[in-house]
Amino acid sequence: MALTMSCLIAVLAAVPQRTEPENPPHPAPRAADTASPGAVLDALYATISGPMGEKRDWQRLRSLFAPEGRMVAMVKDRAGGMRPVVLKVDDYVQRAGGALERDGFFELEIGRQTQRFGDMAHVFSSYECKHARDDAAPFLRGINSVQLVKQGGRWSILQILWEQEADAGPIPPQYLVAATEANDAAAPVSPLTVRLVGSDLLLDLMQQWGKDCPPETGVRVEVAGGGTGTGFHAFATRKAEVTMASRRIADEELKKARESGAEPLEVCIGYVAAAVCVHRDNPLESLDLDRLRAIASADPGAARWSQLGVEIAGGGQHEIALRMSAPGALWSFAFQRAVFSGGAPQRSGGLRAEALLDFVRSQPDALVVASSHGAEGVKVVPIAAKAGGAAVLPTAQTCKDGSYPLAVPLYVYYRDEPTGRIKEFVRWLSRDAGRALLERQGIVPARD
């Protein structure tokens, strides 16, 4: 590139333009030439370089560029300053190709600095120019600033901008570092730490996200609990990028976040639902929240099945054997939030989560509050929000439309609109792998 601009710039304007089709077919590249930014640069230098009298493969040069690719030379203007001369690849070939082939020209790379992010890359490629490869000294040096994009699995040049050392001054030492495989191949950005802070109920989920988050997102996840309120405080004080919440942000928390310069973006990730389960032979048809509250509060008027109009096989005054898991379980939280506005029920016997369904399968007088996920071999009771209302079972649809009263939404809050690697992390959460993690935690994903 440099030889043409330094030696022929005075006559560029005098060279007549060729008449070309408006949209000539773009040549297909060699796969090896476009496998990485470095491969494109290597092919570029190899294509324009050659001894006196050697024809160049200009189709190969064209194939290295995107169809809209440009070549831009910084040259002196009449006032002594610098100005850009913008060329299409065909302009460059027409105006410079003959001189390169006639006189001999080798442009040799002497340093490369590659920066890469996602599907774009920038290369500062320092060069020296010789008429013959074995010339003792170059007649010109400079830097090519090359912007590349990845499309359809291949890298291509969007633009080359170059300036020669004689005009810009000596090339800085940091741009004379030779290209290496590590420098070019990935030039990977260091992992970005995304801090997740929030609900202790969701701590296991957050930790699993951190463990399973794939390396290609470029994200390293740090997790801390402390509660939803702690998460919102960390968000407002810029100590967290993501907050996991078991409730919506309160007005005062929102105000503090905005005062810190952050506009929280709320995303409902899913729903946790408590299932009320009884023995499969129990004739109970439905319950409402008031009845559930009475049962769990040790109300004397709701202590026996007969008081609910239910006759248990074998007769007798069977007491309702209520069992729930430890308060830390997500479905226990959902039950307490819906029935007691967050307070713990007064009447329950604690069982390990895995033992709850075994208990109700073996006890005709049992009533347990368990996860709606995987409640098999038992009878799940439809629940109504109020007496006389429609009673529904916990399904994905009834959780999402709000008709199942024992379902609670769960939220993720991001700082403003996610961008960059945080956006990639958010995308991963919404894909199949992220949804599978929700389901394994007994959470109904908000999106199918």
Protein backbone atom coordinates (compact mmCIF):
# COMPACT_ATOMS: atom_id res chain seq x y z
CA MET A 1 0.00 0.00 0.00
CA ALA A 2 2.62 2.55 1.07
CA LEU A 3 4.74 2.53 -2.11
CA THR A 4 1.78 3.49 -4.20
CA MET A 5 0.79 6.42 -2.08
CA SER A 6 4.32 7.78 -1.60
CA CYS A 7 5.45 7.43 -5.20
CA LEU A 8 2.31 7.78 -7.30
CA ILE A 9 0.06 10.15 -5.38
CA ALA A 10 0.87 13.01 -7.75
CA VAL A 11 -0.55 11.14 -10.72
CA LEU A 12 -3.51 9.38 -9.12
CA ALA A 13 -5.97 11.96 -10.28
CA ALA A 14 -4.69 11.75 -13.85
CA VAL A 15 -5.30 8.01 -14.23
CA PRO A 16 -8.62 7.45 -16.00
CA GLN A 17 -11.28 5.41 -14.25
CA ARG A 18 -12.23 2.05 -15.75
CA THR A 19 -15.86 1.41 -16.52
CA GLU A 20 -17.00 -1.40 -14.21
CA PRO A 21 -20.35 -3.07 -13.65
CA GLU A 22 -22.30 -1.42 -10.87
CA ASN A 23 -22.24 -4.58 -8.75
CA PRO A 24 -19.46 -6.88 -9.99
CA PRO A 25 -19.43 -10.35 -8.45
CA HIS A 26 -17.34 -10.46 -5.30
CA PRO A 27 -14.70 -13.21 -5.51
CA ALA A 28 -14.90 -16.03 -3.00
CA PRO A 29 -11.93 -16.11 -0.61
CA ARG A 30 -9.68 -19.01 0.21
CA ALA A 31 -10.74 -20.52 3.51
CA ALA A 32 -7.19 -20.36 4.89
CA ASP A 33 -6.93 -16.65 4.04
CA THR A 34 -9.91 -15.65 6.18
CA ALA A 35 -9.70 -18.01 9.16
CA SER A 36 -8.48 -15.28 11.54
CA PRO A 37 -7.50 -11.60 11.48
CA GLY A 38 -3.85 -12.63 11.30
CA ALA A 39 -4.48 -14.94 8.35
CA VAL A 40 -6.09 -12.04 6.46
CA LEU A 41 -3.09 -9.80 7.17
CA ASP A 42 -0.64 -12.49 6.05
CA ALA A 43 -2.57 -12.98 2.81
CA LEU A 44 -2.75 -9.22 2.24
CA TYR A 45 1.02 -8.76 2.42
CA ALA A 46 1.66 -11.88 0.33
CA THR A 47 -0.75 -10.70 -2.37
CA ILE A 48 0.66 -7.22 -2.97
CA SER A 49 4.32 -8.27 -2.63
CA GLY A 50 6.43 -9.78 -5.38
CA PRO A 51 9.56 -9.34 -7.54
CA MET A 52 9.89 -7.18 -10.62
CA GLY A 53 7.76 -8.43 -13.53
CA GLU A 54 5.61 -10.82 -11.42
CA LYS A 55 1.87 -10.65 -11.91
CA ARG A 56 -0.21 -10.27 -8.73
CA ASP A 57 -3.34 -12.19 -7.92
CA TRP A 58 -5.65 -9.20 -7.69
CA GLN A 59 -8.74 -11.39 -7.35
CA ARG A 60 -7.23 -12.80 -4.19
CA LEU A 61 -6.70 -9.25 -2.91
CA ARG A 62 -10.35 -8.38 -3.65
CA SER A 63 -11.51 -11.51 -1.84
CA LEU A 64 -9.85 -10.39 1.40
CA PHE A 65 -12.13 -7.35 1.62
CA ALA A 66 -15.80 -7.03 2.44
CA PRO A 67 -17.73 -5.92 -0.68
CA GLU A 68 -17.92 -2.40 0.78
CA GLY A 69 -14.26 -2.44 1.87
CA ARG A 70 -12.10 0.65 1.45
CA MET A 71 -8.39 1.54 1.34
CA VAL A 72 -7.49 4.96 2.77
CA ALA A 73 -4.07 6.62 2.46
CA MET A 74 -3.00 9.61 4.54
CA VAL A 75 -1.09 11.96 2.18
CA LYS A 76 0.21 15.50 2.30
CA ASP A 77 -2.06 18.22 1.03
CA ARG A 78 -0.96 21.44 -0.63
CA ALA A 79 -0.95 23.31 2.67
CA GLY A 80 1.53 20.87 4.17
CA GLY A 81 -0.99 19.03 6.34
CA MET A 82 -2.34 15.51 5.89
CA ARG A 83 -5.55 14.41 4.19
CA PRO A 84 -7.16 11.03 3.51
CA VAL A 85 -7.45 9.62 -0.01
CA VAL A 86 -10.26 7.05 -0.05
CA LEU A 87 -10.11 4.25 -2.64
CA LYS A 88 -12.13 1.22 -3.52
CA VAL A 89 -10.06 -1.93 -3.93
CA ASP A 90 -10.50 -1.76 -7.71
CA ASP A 91 -9.30 1.86 -7.66
CA TYR A 92 -6.15 0.76 -5.90
CA VAL A 93 -5.54 -2.12 -8.33
CA GLN A 94 -6.08 0.08 -11.36
CA ARG A 95 -3.92 2.95 -10.17
CA ALA A 96 -1.14 1.10 -8.38
CA GLY A 97 -1.07 -2.45 -9.71
CA GLY A 98 0.98 -1.75 -12.80
CA ALA A 99 3.76 0.03 -10.86
CA LEU A 100 3.98 -2.74 -8.26
CA GLU A 101 4.41 -5.40 -10.94
CA ARG A 102 6.80 -3.35 -13.05
CA ASP A 103 9.20 -2.13 -10.36
CA GLY A 104 9.07 -4.92 -7.81
CA PHE A 105 7.66 -4.31 -4.35
CA PHE A 106 7.72 -6.11 -1.03
CA GLU A 107 5.74 -4.82 1.93
CA LEU A 108 6.95 -6.73 4.97
CA GLU A 109 5.31 -6.70 8.36
CA ILE A 110 7.63 -5.74 11.24
CA GLY A 111 5.13 -5.48 14.09
CA ARG A 112 1.55 -6.36 14.90
CA GLN A 113 -0.82 -5.40 17.68
CA THR A 114 -4.25 -7.07 17.52
CA GLN A 115 -7.35 -6.12 19.47
CA ARG A 116 -10.42 -8.28 19.11
CA PHE A 117 -13.92 -8.09 20.56
CA GLY A 118 -16.73 -10.34 19.41
CA ASP A 119 -16.98 -10.17 15.63
CA MET A 120 -14.73 -7.20 15.09
CA ALA A 121 -10.97 -6.75 15.22
CA HIS A 122 -8.48 -3.92 14.88
CA VAL A 123 -4.86 -4.52 13.87
CA PHE A 124 -2.05 -1.98 14.03
CA SER A 125 0.36 -3.57 11.55
CA SER A 126 3.75 -1.86 11.15
CA TYR A 127 5.50 -2.40 7.79
CA GLU A 128 8.64 -1.70 5.84
CA CYS A 129 8.90 -1.51 2.04
CA LYS A 130 11.67 -2.85 -0.23
CA HIS A 131 12.03 -3.23 -3.99
CA ALA A 132 13.55 -6.69 -3.47
CA ARG A 133 13.09 -8.92 -0.46
CA ASP A 134 16.86 -9.09 0.23
CA ASP A 135 17.52 -5.35 0.00
CA ALA A 136 19.73 -4.26 2.89
CA ALA A 137 17.48 -1.44 4.01
CA PRO A 138 13.85 -0.46 3.44
CA PHE A 139 13.06 2.71 1.57
CA LEU A 140 9.87 3.35 3.56
CA ARG A 141 8.17 2.39 6.82
CA GLY A 142 4.75 3.08 8.26
CA ILE A 143 1.67 1.65 9.96
CA ASN A 144 -1.45 0.06 8.49
CA SER A 145 -4.53 0.44 10.69
CA VAL A 146 -6.78 -2.43 9.65
CA GLN A 147 -10.40 -2.89 10.69
CA LEU A 148 -11.84 -6.37 10.19
CA VAL A 149 -15.25 -7.95 10.67
CA LYS A 150 -16.38 -11.56 10.92
CA GLN A 151 -19.38 -12.50 8.79
CA GLY A 152 -20.56 -15.92 7.71
CA GLY A 153 -17.71 -17.59 9.56
CA ARG A 154 -14.97 -15.65 7.74
CA TRP A 155 -12.91 -12.57 8.54
CA SER A 156 -12.67 -9.77 6.00
CA ILE A 157 -11.21 -6.29 5.81
CA LEU A 158 -13.65 -3.42 6.16
CA GLN A 159 -11.02 -0.71 5.89
CA ILE A 160 -7.26 -0.14 5.76
CA LEU A 161 -5.95 3.27 6.78
CA TRP A 162 -2.21 3.87 6.47
CA GLU A 163 0.37 6.56 7.03
CA GLN A 164 4.12 6.47 6.42
CA GLU A 165 6.78 7.14 9.02
CA ALA A 166 8.26 10.01 7.01
CA ASP A 167 5.03 11.96 7.54
CA ALA A 168 3.92 10.85 10.99
CA GLY A 169 7.26 10.52 12.77
CA PRO A 170 9.11 7.47 14.14
CA ILE A 171 7.06 4.34 14.79
CA PRO A 172 6.66 3.95 18.58
CA PRO A 173 8.44 0.90 20.08
CA GLN A 174 5.15 -0.74 21.18
CA TYR A 175 4.16 -1.00 17.51
CA LEU A 176 7.34 -2.82 16.56
CA VAL A 177 6.49 -5.99 18.49
CA ALA A 178 6.49 -8.95 16.13
CA ALA A 179 3.26 -10.84 15.57
CA THR A 180 2.93 -14.12 17.47
CA GLU A 181 0.33 -16.84 17.48
CA ALA A 182 -0.88 -15.71 20.90
CA ASN A 183 -0.99 -12.10 19.75
CA ASP A 184 -3.15 -12.88 16.76
CA ALA A 185 -5.16 -16.03 17.32
CA ALA A 186 -7.50 -14.96 20.04
CA ALA A 187 -6.16 -11.73 21.39
CA PRO A 188 -8.74 -12.71 23.99
CA VAL A 189 -10.08 -10.12 26.34
CA SER A 190 -9.64 -11.00 30.00
CA PRO A 191 -12.79 -12.31 31.68
CA LEU A 192 -15.22 -9.64 32.82
CA THR A 193 -16.36 -10.10 36.39
CA VAL A 194 -20.12 -9.86 36.73
CA ARG A 195 -21.22 -9.56 40.34
CA LEU A 196 -24.56 -11.14 41.24
CA VAL A 197 -25.97 -10.13 44.62
CA GLY A 198 -29.39 -10.79 46.03
CA SER A 199 -31.92 -13.13 47.54
CA ASP A 200 -30.60 -15.95 49.71
CA LEU A 201 -33.44 -18.06 48.35
CA LEU A 202 -31.80 -17.82 44.93
CA LEU A 203 -28.23 -18.30 46.12
CA ASP A 204 -28.02 -21.89 44.86
CA LEU A 205 -29.30 -20.79 41.48
CA MET A 206 -26.84 -17.90 41.27
CA GLN A 207 -23.95 -20.18 42.22
CA GLN A 208 -24.99 -22.67 39.57
CA TRP A 209 -25.11 -19.89 36.99
CA GLY A 210 -21.61 -18.91 37.96
CA LYS A 211 -20.40 -22.48 37.67
CA ASP A 212 -22.09 -23.26 34.35
CA CYS A 213 -21.61 -19.94 32.55
CA PRO A 214 -19.69 -20.92 29.38
CA PRO A 215 -16.24 -19.37 28.67
CA GLU A 216 -17.35 -17.97 25.32
CA THR A 217 -19.47 -15.35 27.11
CA GLY A 218 -16.22 -13.82 28.39
CA VAL A 219 -17.80 -13.56 31.83
CA ARG A 220 -16.64 -14.67 35.27
CA VAL A 221 -19.49 -14.66 37.77
CA GLU A 222 -19.07 -13.68 41.42
CA VAL A 223 -22.02 -14.44 43.69
CA ALA A 224 -23.14 -13.11 47.06
CA GLY A 225 -26.37 -13.50 49.00
CA GLY A 226 -27.59 -11.36 51.86
CA GLY A 227 -31.16 -10.90 50.72
CA THR A 228 -33.05 -9.00 48.07
CA GLY A 229 -32.70 -5.69 49.95
CA THR A 230 -28.94 -6.19 50.17
CA GLY A 231 -28.89 -6.83 46.44
CA PHE A 232 -30.68 -3.58 45.66
CA HIS A 233 -28.32 -1.67 47.96
CA ALA A 234 -25.30 -3.22 46.21
CA PHE A 235 -26.85 -2.27 42.90
CA ALA A 236 -27.37 1.36 43.94
CA THR A 237 -23.81 1.64 45.31
CA ARG A 238 -22.30 0.11 42.16
CA LYS A 239 -21.10 -3.00 43.99
CA ALA A 240 -23.18 -5.29 41.77
CA GLU A 241 -24.05 -5.42 38.09
CA VAL A 242 -26.93 -7.85 38.54
CA THR A 243 -29.42 -8.25 41.38
CA MET A 244 -31.49 -11.38 41.95
CA ALA A 245 -34.76 -10.52 43.64
CA SER A 246 -37.67 -12.44 45.13
CA ARG A 247 -39.80 -9.29 44.92
CA ARG A 248 -40.07 -6.16 42.81
CA ILE A 249 -37.89 -3.17 43.61
CA ALA A 250 -39.47 -0.75 46.10
CA ASP A 251 -39.93 2.95 45.35
CA GLU A 252 -37.18 4.03 47.75
CA GLU A 253 -34.77 1.44 46.33
CA LEU A 254 -35.56 2.59 42.83
CA LYS A 255 -34.94 6.21 43.84
CA LYS A 256 -31.52 5.37 45.28
CA ALA A 257 -30.56 3.42 42.18
CA ARG A 258 -31.48 6.35 39.96
CA GLU A 259 -29.58 8.76 42.18
CA SER A 260 -26.47 6.65 41.55
CA GLY A 261 -26.96 7.06 37.80
CA ALA A 262 -28.44 3.63 37.13
CA GLU A 263 -31.81 2.85 35.61
CA PRO A 264 -32.69 -0.70 36.76
CA LEU A 265 -33.94 -2.94 33.98
CA GLU A 266 -36.35 -5.51 35.37
CA VAL A 267 -36.67 -8.97 33.85
CA CYS A 268 -38.97 -11.65 35.25
CA ILE A 269 -37.00 -14.89 34.90
CA GLY A 270 -39.65 -17.27 36.15
CA TYR A 271 -42.07 -18.32 38.84
CA VAL A 272 -41.81 -20.53 41.89
CA ALA A 273 -45.04 -22.26 42.85
CA ALA A 274 -46.04 -24.19 45.93
CA ALA A 275 -48.15 -27.27 45.34
CA VAL A 276 -50.64 -28.47 47.96
CA CYS A 277 -50.55 -32.26 47.81
CA VAL A 278 -52.66 -34.96 49.44
CA HIS A 279 -52.86 -38.74 49.21
CA ARG A 280 -54.13 -39.85 45.83
CA ASP A 281 -57.26 -41.42 47.46
CA ASN A 282 -58.18 -38.21 49.26
CA PRO A 283 -61.51 -36.89 47.85
CA LEU A 284 -60.63 -33.21 48.49
CA GLU A 285 -61.59 -31.25 45.37
CA SER A 286 -60.11 -27.81 46.06
CA LEU A 287 -59.03 -25.27 48.67
CA ASP A 288 -58.91 -21.50 48.87
CA LEU A 289 -56.33 -19.26 50.55
CA ASP A 290 -58.49 -18.61 53.62
CA ARG A 291 -58.85 -22.35 54.26
CA LEU A 292 -55.13 -22.88 53.78
CA ARG A 293 -54.36 -20.09 56.20
CA ALA A 294 -56.66 -21.62 58.79
CA ILE A 295 -55.05 -25.06 58.41
CA ALA A 296 -51.51 -23.72 58.67
CA SER A 297 -52.37 -21.42 61.59
CA ALA A 298 -53.66 -24.24 63.80
CA ASP A 299 -57.19 -22.85 63.66
CA PRO A 300 -59.35 -25.23 65.74
CA GLY A 301 -62.01 -24.99 63.04
CA ALA A 302 -59.65 -26.47 60.44
CA ALA A 303 -57.78 -29.13 62.35
CA ARG A 304 -59.57 -32.25 61.06
CA TRP A 305 -60.48 -33.44 57.59
CA SER A 306 -64.11 -33.84 58.60
CA GLN A 307 -64.20 -30.06 59.27
CA LEU A 308 -63.42 -29.57 55.58
CA GLY A 309 -66.21 -31.94 54.58
CA VAL A 310 -63.71 -34.65 53.65
CA GLU A 311 -64.09 -38.26 54.75
CA ILE A 312 -60.79 -40.14 54.89
CA ALA A 313 -60.87 -43.87 54.13
CA GLY A 314 -61.30 -45.91 57.31
CA GLY A 315 -63.51 -43.34 59.02
CA GLY A 316 -62.75 -41.56 62.27
CA GLN A 317 -61.78 -38.01 63.14
CA HIS A 318 -58.53 -37.79 61.22
CA GLU A 319 -56.41 -34.78 61.99
CA ILE A 320 -54.82 -33.02 59.05
CA ALA A 321 -51.16 -33.99 59.10
CA LEU A 322 -49.62 -30.85 57.65
CA ARG A 323 -45.97 -31.01 56.60
CA MET A 324 -43.71 -28.47 54.91
CA SER A 325 -40.03 -28.36 54.15
CA ALA A 326 -37.56 -26.04 55.83
CA PRO A 327 -38.30 -22.32 55.36
CA GLY A 328 -35.38 -21.89 52.95
CA ALA A 329 -37.08 -23.86 50.19
CA LEU A 330 -38.38 -21.80 47.31
CA TRP A 331 -41.87 -23.31 47.42
CA SER A 332 -42.10 -22.70 51.18
CA PHE A 333 -41.28 -19.07 50.44
CA ALA A 334 -44.01 -18.95 47.79
CA PHE A 335 -46.54 -20.45 50.21
CA GLN A 336 -45.63 -18.06 53.00
CA ARG A 337 -45.67 -15.04 50.69
CA ALA A 338 -49.12 -15.92 49.31
CA VAL A 339 -50.81 -17.18 52.45
CA PHE A 340 -49.10 -15.25 55.25
CA SER A 341 -47.64 -12.27 53.38
CA GLY A 342 -44.18 -13.61 54.15
CA GLY A 343 -44.72 -14.72 57.75
CA ALA A 344 -44.10 -18.34 58.70
CA PRO A 345 -47.07 -20.68 59.28
CA GLN A 346 -47.67 -21.67 62.89
CA ARG A 347 -48.65 -25.28 62.36
CA SER A 348 -46.31 -27.48 60.39
CA GLY A 349 -43.91 -30.32 60.88
CA GLY A 350 -40.64 -29.98 59.03
CA LEU A 351 -39.47 -32.64 56.62
CA ARG A 352 -36.59 -32.76 54.21
CA ALA A 353 -37.68 -31.85 50.71
CA GLU A 354 -37.10 -35.32 49.32
CA ALA A 355 -39.18 -36.89 52.12
CA LEU A 356 -42.29 -34.77 51.66
CA LEU A 357 -43.80 -36.69 48.77
CA ASP A 358 -42.89 -40.04 50.33
CA PHE A 359 -44.81 -38.95 53.43
CA VAL A 360 -47.99 -37.99 51.59
CA ARG A 361 -47.90 -41.14 49.47
CA SER A 362 -47.97 -43.28 52.61
CA GLN A 363 -50.30 -41.22 54.85
CA PRO A 364 -54.01 -40.93 53.89
CA ASP A 365 -54.45 -37.99 56.30
CA ALA A 366 -51.42 -36.02 55.06
CA LEU A 367 -51.37 -32.58 53.47
CA VAL A 368 -47.99 -31.29 52.36
CA VAL A 369 -46.75 -28.14 50.72
CA ALA A 370 -44.14 -29.13 48.16
CA SER A 371 -42.65 -27.99 44.93
CA SER A 372 -44.97 -28.00 41.93
CA HIS A 373 -42.05 -29.47 40.01
CA GLY A 374 -42.01 -33.26 40.04
CA ALA A 375 -45.02 -33.86 42.30
CA GLU A 376 -45.71 -37.40 41.09
CA GLY A 377 -47.68 -40.24 42.63
CA VAL A 378 -49.79 -37.84 44.70
CA LYS A 379 -52.90 -35.71 44.21
CA VAL A 380 -52.23 -32.00 43.63
CA VAL A 381 -55.12 -29.90 44.91
CA PRO A 382 -56.49 -27.00 42.82
CA ILE A 383 -56.30 -23.68 44.70
CA ALA A 384 -58.57 -20.64 44.51
CA ALA A 385 -57.60 -17.12 45.51
CA LYS A 386 -60.85 -16.69 47.44
CA ALA A 387 -63.86 -18.71 48.51
CA GLY A 388 -66.11 -19.44 45.55
CA GLY A 389 -63.41 -18.46 43.08
CA ALA A 390 -62.03 -20.60 40.29
CA ALA A 391 -59.59 -23.17 41.64
CA VAL A 392 -56.66 -24.03 39.34
CA LEU A 393 -53.68 -26.31 39.36
CA PRO A 394 -50.09 -25.03 39.25
CA THR A 395 -49.07 -25.07 35.59
CA ALA A 396 -46.76 -22.91 33.52
CA GLN A 397 -49.76 -21.06 32.13
CA THR A 398 -51.53 -20.43 35.46
CA CYS A 399 -48.26 -19.22 36.99
CA LYS A 400 -47.68 -16.80 34.14
CA ASP A 401 -51.23 -15.46 33.91
CA GLY A 402 -51.45 -15.00 37.70
CA SER A 403 -54.46 -17.24 38.22
CA TYR A 404 -52.60 -19.69 40.49
CA PRO A 405 -52.40 -17.90 43.85
CA LEU A 406 -49.42 -19.82 45.26
CA ALA A 407 -47.00 -18.71 42.54
CA VAL A 408 -44.46 -15.95 43.09
CA PRO A 409 -42.46 -14.21 40.33
CA LEU A 410 -38.68 -13.98 40.56
CA TYR A 411 -36.69 -11.13 39.04
CA VAL A 412 -33.30 -10.22 37.71
CA TYR A 413 -32.32 -6.53 37.66
CA TYR A 414 -29.60 -5.25 35.33
CA ARG A 415 -27.97 -1.85 35.20
CA ASP A 416 -29.63 -0.01 32.32
CA GLU A 417 -29.85 -1.94 29.03
CA PRO A 418 -27.28 -4.79 29.07
CA THR A 419 -24.44 -4.36 26.59
CA GLY A 420 -21.24 -6.16 25.68
CA ARG A 421 -20.38 -9.24 27.68
CA ILE A 422 -23.12 -8.65 30.25
CA LYS A 423 -25.58 -8.76 27.36
CA GLU A 424 -24.05 -12.07 26.24
CA PHE A 425 -24.47 -13.38 29.79
CA VAL A 426 -28.12 -12.28 29.77
CA ARG A 427 -28.66 -14.01 26.44
CA TRP A 428 -27.18 -17.21 27.81
CA LEU A 429 -29.58 -17.11 30.76
CA SER A 430 -32.53 -16.99 28.36
CA ARG A 431 -31.35 -19.88 26.19
CA ASP A 432 -31.97 -23.58 26.72
CA ALA A 433 -29.10 -24.07 29.17
CA GLY A 434 -30.24 -21.18 31.34
CA ARG A 435 -33.84 -22.35 31.30
CA ALA A 436 -32.77 -25.88 32.22
CA LEU A 437 -31.06 -24.54 35.34
CA LEU A 438 -34.27 -22.79 36.35
CA GLU A 439 -36.28 -25.95 35.92
CA ARG A 440 -33.81 -27.99 37.96
CA GLN A 441 -34.36 -25.52 40.79
CA GLY A 442 -38.13 -26.01 40.54
CA ILE A 443 -38.68 -22.65 38.81
CA VAL A 444 -41.10 -22.26 35.92
CA PRO A 445 -39.24 -20.22 33.25
CA ALA A 446 -40.99 -17.01 32.28
CA ARG A 447 -40.24 -17.63 28.61
CA ASP A 448 -40.87 -20.81 26.65
